[in-house]
Protein backbone atom coordinates (compact mmCIF):
# COMPACT_ATOMS: atom_id res chain seq x y z
CA MET A 1 85.19 97.13 134.29
CA PHE A 2 86.65 94.65 131.86
CA GLY A 3 84.89 91.33 131.75
CA VAL A 4 84.77 88.39 129.39
CA MET A 5 84.67 88.63 125.60
CA ASP A 6 81.34 88.02 123.91
CA THR A 7 82.85 85.55 121.45
CA THR A 8 85.83 83.21 121.38
CA ASP A 9 86.74 84.36 117.86
CA GLU A 10 86.83 88.02 118.93
CA TYR A 11 89.12 87.27 121.86
CA ARG A 12 91.47 85.11 119.83
CA GLY A 13 91.59 87.69 117.05
CA ILE A 14 92.81 90.30 119.53
CA ALA A 15 95.24 87.79 121.07
CA THR A 16 96.69 87.06 117.62
CA VAL A 17 97.41 90.75 117.02
CA LEU A 18 98.89 91.03 120.53
CA ARG A 19 101.35 88.24 119.72
CA GLU A 20 102.47 90.16 116.64
CA VAL A 21 102.91 93.35 118.69
CA LEU A 22 104.96 91.48 121.30
CA LYS A 23 107.13 90.02 118.55
CA ASN A 24 107.65 93.43 116.98
CA CYS A 25 108.57 94.91 120.37
CA GLY A 26 111.00 92.07 121.09
CA VAL A 27 109.22 91.08 124.32
CA ASN A 28 109.35 87.37 125.22
CA TYR A 29 107.03 85.48 127.55
CA VAL A 30 109.60 85.23 130.36
CA ALA A 31 110.20 89.00 130.43
CA LEU A 32 106.47 89.69 130.26
CA ALA A 33 105.77 87.25 133.09
CA GLY A 34 108.32 89.09 135.21
CA LYS A 35 106.62 92.44 134.58
CA LEU A 36 103.19 91.04 135.42
CA GLY A 37 104.31 88.93 138.39
CA ILE A 38 102.80 85.73 137.01
CA SER A 39 104.15 82.52 135.54
CA SER A 40 105.28 82.14 131.94
CA ARG A 41 102.69 79.40 131.56
CA THR A 42 99.89 81.81 132.51
CA VAL A 43 101.24 84.42 130.10
CA LYS A 44 101.26 81.84 127.31
CA ARG A 45 97.62 80.95 128.05
CA ILE A 46 96.60 84.60 127.84
CA ILE A 47 98.59 85.35 124.69
CA HIS A 48 97.34 82.29 122.83
CA GLY A 49 93.68 83.08 123.50
CA ASP A 50 92.97 80.30 126.00
CA ASP A 51 91.96 82.46 128.96
CA TYR A 52 89.11 84.64 127.60
CA SER A 53 89.75 87.42 130.15
CA VAL A 54 89.71 90.94 128.74
CA ALA A 55 91.14 92.24 132.01
CA LYS A 56 94.24 90.08 131.61
CA LEU A 57 94.69 91.16 128.02
CA ALA A 58 94.49 94.75 129.20
CA GLU A 59 97.15 94.06 131.85
CA VAL A 60 99.48 92.70 129.17
CA CYS A 61 98.88 95.82 127.07
CA GLY A 62 99.71 98.02 130.05
CA ALA A 63 102.92 96.10 130.68
CA ILE A 64 104.21 96.78 127.15
CA GLY A 65 102.94 100.35 126.94
CA ILE A 66 100.02 100.13 124.51
CA LYS A 67 96.32 100.85 124.97
CA PHE A 68 93.90 97.93 124.92
CA PHE A 69 91.46 99.79 122.69
CA ASP A 70 94.26 100.45 120.19
CA LEU A 71 94.81 96.69 120.14
CA MET A 72 91.11 96.12 119.49
CA GLN A 73 91.27 98.60 116.60
CA LEU A 74 94.23 96.76 115.09
CA ALA A 75 92.39 93.45 115.43
CA GLN A 76 89.35 94.90 113.65
CA GLU A 77 91.51 96.28 110.85
CA GLU A 78 93.20 92.89 110.53
CA GLU A 79 89.82 91.21 110.06
CA GLU A 80 88.67 93.81 107.56
CA GLU A 81 92.04 94.42 105.98
CA SER A 82 91.19 93.73 102.35
CA PHE A 83 88.17 93.70 100.08
CA GLU A 84 87.42 92.75 96.49
CA LEU A 85 84.98 94.22 94.01
CA SER A 86 82.84 92.29 91.57
CA ARG A 87 84.09 91.84 88.02
CA GLU A 88 81.34 94.16 86.78
CA GLN A 89 82.44 96.88 89.21
CA GLU A 90 86.07 96.42 88.18
CA GLU A 91 85.15 96.65 84.50
CA PHE A 92 83.40 99.97 85.09
CA LEU A 93 86.31 101.47 87.06
CA ALA A 94 88.92 100.13 84.65
CA ALA A 95 87.10 101.81 81.76
CA SER A 96 86.94 105.10 83.68
CA PRO A 97 90.10 105.72 85.77
CA LYS A 98 88.64 109.04 87.00
CA HIS A 99 85.85 107.15 88.72
CA PHE A 100 88.46 104.84 90.22
CA LEU A 101 90.33 107.87 91.57
CA PHE A 102 87.11 109.33 92.96
CA PHE A 103 86.27 106.01 94.66
CA ASN A 104 89.71 105.86 96.29
CA LEU A 105 89.43 109.45 97.48
CA LEU A 106 86.08 108.71 99.11
CA ARG A 107 87.77 106.08 101.25
CA LYS A 108 89.66 108.93 102.99
CA LYS A 109 87.74 112.16 102.40
CA SER A 110 84.23 113.56 102.35
CA LEU A 111 82.48 114.50 99.12
CA ASP A 112 82.85 118.20 99.96
CA GLU A 113 86.58 117.85 100.70
CA ILE A 114 87.16 116.16 97.33
CA ARG A 115 85.15 118.82 95.54
CA ARG A 116 87.19 121.65 97.09
CA GLU A 117 90.57 119.94 96.66
CA TYR A 118 90.04 119.06 92.99
CA GLY A 119 88.03 122.12 92.00
CA LEU A 120 84.94 120.10 91.06
CA SER A 121 81.55 121.67 90.70
CA VAL A 122 78.79 120.41 92.97
CA ARG A 123 77.12 118.93 89.92
CA ASP A 124 80.22 116.99 88.81
CA ALA A 125 80.89 115.67 92.32
CA ARG A 126 77.31 114.47 92.60
CA SER A 127 77.54 112.90 89.15
CA TYR A 128 80.58 110.83 90.16
CA ALA A 129 78.82 109.75 93.34
CA LYS A 130 75.66 108.84 91.43
CA ASP A 131 77.65 106.68 89.00
CA LEU A 132 79.38 104.85 91.84
CA GLU A 133 76.02 104.33 93.52
CA GLY A 134 74.76 102.86 90.27
CA ILE A 135 77.32 100.05 90.44
CA GLY A 136 76.74 99.44 94.14
CA LEU A 137 79.89 101.01 95.60
CA LEU A 138 78.19 103.61 97.77
CA GLU A 139 74.89 104.89 99.13
CA ARG A 140 73.89 108.56 98.90
CA TYR A 141 72.04 110.50 101.61
CA PRO A 142 70.65 114.03 101.94
CA GLY A 143 73.18 116.82 102.37
CA ASP A 144 75.67 115.25 99.96
CA GLN A 145 76.52 112.55 102.50
CA VAL A 146 77.76 109.24 101.13
CA LYS A 147 78.57 105.87 102.66
CA LEU A 148 80.81 103.33 100.93
CA THR A 149 79.48 99.78 100.78
CA VAL A 150 82.97 98.20 101.01
CA LYS A 151 84.81 97.51 104.24
CA GLY A 152 88.54 97.20 104.65
CA SER A 153 91.75 99.20 104.42
CA SER A 154 93.19 97.45 101.38
CA HIS A 155 91.64 96.90 97.95
CA GLN A 156 92.62 93.54 96.47
CA PHE A 157 92.28 93.46 92.68
CA ILE A 158 90.89 90.35 91.00
CA GLU A 159 93.89 88.41 89.75
CA ASP A 160 94.35 89.11 86.04
CA GLY A 161 91.07 91.05 86.21
CA PRO A 162 90.09 94.38 84.63
CA LEU A 163 91.74 96.61 87.28
CA ASP A 164 94.83 94.42 87.44
CA LYS A 165 95.34 94.89 83.71
CA ALA A 166 94.34 98.56 83.47
CA ILE A 167 95.72 99.96 86.74
CA GLY A 168 97.77 97.44 88.67
CA ARG A 169 100.31 96.56 85.98
CA ARG A 170 100.93 100.19 85.06
CA ASP A 171 101.44 100.99 88.73
CA MET A 172 103.91 98.12 89.06
CA MET A 173 105.88 99.44 86.07
CA ARG A 174 106.06 102.87 87.71
CA PHE A 175 107.01 101.19 91.00
CA ALA A 176 109.87 99.37 89.29
CA GLU A 177 111.07 102.61 87.68
CA LYS A 178 111.09 104.35 91.07
CA LEU A 179 113.22 101.59 92.56
CA TYR A 180 116.06 102.46 90.22
CA ASP A 181 115.67 106.23 90.56
CA ARG A 182 118.38 106.63 93.23
CA ARG A 183 118.50 110.34 93.96
CA PRO A 184 120.52 111.90 96.81
CA GLY A 185 118.59 111.72 100.06
CA SER A 186 116.12 109.19 98.69
CA THR A 187 114.77 106.58 101.10
CA THR A 188 114.22 104.14 98.25
CA PHE A 189 115.82 100.72 98.67
CA SER A 190 115.99 97.74 96.36
CA THR A 191 118.12 94.68 95.95
CA SER A 192 117.99 91.72 93.63
CA SER A 193 119.66 88.32 93.76
CA GLY A 194 119.46 85.19 91.72
CA SER A 195 120.91 81.78 92.39
CA GLY A 196 120.19 78.11 92.71
CA ILE A 197 118.71 77.05 96.05
CA SER A 198 117.11 73.91 97.45
CA LYS A 199 113.36 73.49 97.90
CA LYS A 200 113.88 73.66 101.67
CA THR A 201 115.73 76.98 101.42
CA MET A 202 113.08 78.28 99.03
CA ASP A 203 110.36 77.48 101.58
CA GLU A 204 112.34 79.20 104.35
CA LEU A 205 112.89 82.27 102.18
CA ILE A 206 109.18 82.61 101.46
CA LYS A 207 108.31 82.11 105.13
CA ASP A 208 110.79 84.81 106.21
CA MET A 209 109.41 87.23 103.63
CA GLU A 210 105.83 86.55 104.72
CA GLU A 211 106.72 87.18 108.37
CA LEU A 212 108.56 90.40 107.54
CA SER A 213 105.65 91.59 105.42
CA THR A 214 103.18 90.81 108.23
CA ARG A 215 105.36 92.63 110.77
CA TYR A 216 105.48 95.90 108.85
CA ARG A 217 101.87 95.65 107.74
CA LEU A 218 100.81 95.51 111.40
CA ILE A 219 103.14 98.38 112.28
CA SER A 220 101.64 100.37 109.41
CA GLN A 221 98.10 99.67 110.62
CA ARG A 222 98.99 100.74 114.14
CA GLU A 223 100.60 103.98 112.96
CA ARG A 224 97.59 104.79 110.77
CA SER A 225 95.45 104.42 113.89
CA LEU A 226 97.64 106.49 116.21
CA LEU A 227 99.39 109.15 114.12
CA PRO A 228 97.98 112.17 112.27
CA GLU A 229 98.00 111.92 108.48
CA SER A 230 100.61 114.71 108.28
CA GLU A 231 103.18 112.44 109.96
CA LEU A 232 102.63 109.49 107.62
CA LEU A 233 104.67 108.89 104.47
CA GLU A 234 102.84 107.44 101.47
CA VAL A 235 104.98 104.48 100.45
CA ARG A 236 104.73 101.17 98.66
CA TRP A 237 106.81 98.09 99.24
CA ALA A 238 106.94 94.70 97.63
CA MET A 239 108.57 91.40 98.51
CA ALA A 240 108.71 88.72 95.89
CA VAL A 241 110.44 85.55 94.83
CA VAL A 242 109.83 84.02 91.41
CA HIS A 243 110.32 80.45 90.25
CA PRO A 244 111.05 79.48 87.56
CA PHE A 245 112.96 82.54 86.36
CA GLN A 246 115.52 83.21 83.64
CA SER A 247 116.99 86.57 82.69
CA TRP A 248 115.98 87.86 79.27
CA ILE A 249 119.75 88.06 78.54
CA ASN A 250 119.87 84.26 78.46
CA GLU A 251 117.12 84.22 75.85
CA LEU A 252 119.10 86.24 73.31
CA LYS A 253 120.24 84.50 70.16
CA LEU A 254 123.86 84.98 69.18
């Protein structure tokens, strides 16, 4: 049976993700209260993490058609969403992009799967793993088993660090090129606007973009948890606003 959460932080973390799911599903407190046969005030207490009853959280999940344990998984991924490496680790990977590729592959595949897919010899695969162990990114075990020492679904580069300069900026240039490669049937979308706006409007724009980014990030995390890899599309999206900004056209000398 469901009982009470071990920690307040754990409960509230799950409640936070549940609020995002409700928002994405377009379910308001009044409608949810009607489905559960309780007051809107009680629903609000549950959703905002003030009740500490796992059973009630599970009832809310049932009312909107999701599994409670899926919600727990999303909450865990939210907590462990991103990780950073040390500058020394970044310097090593930036100097050897093949090791960076191998590290990223290990976040999704076993050592044997990588070896077969890329046609590596056992010796070469072990050599890559040994090098990554040497900089503290993984631990090796008998039977060619490895365990990464990082936790999280997203790797956050050090700002203006070795990987940002060697990998991130080149990837962003390719990303920008793809945005303007409008082929028939492409699902690529991009738009750009520039104008003068007030500080208040600027703040609202950033807030809207942050909320939209959060919404689709959570949807992405849920789909990664529920759908097979064959049904997932590998995509990248970016939302940005830059101030101050001036087109390079305006910097030309006539």
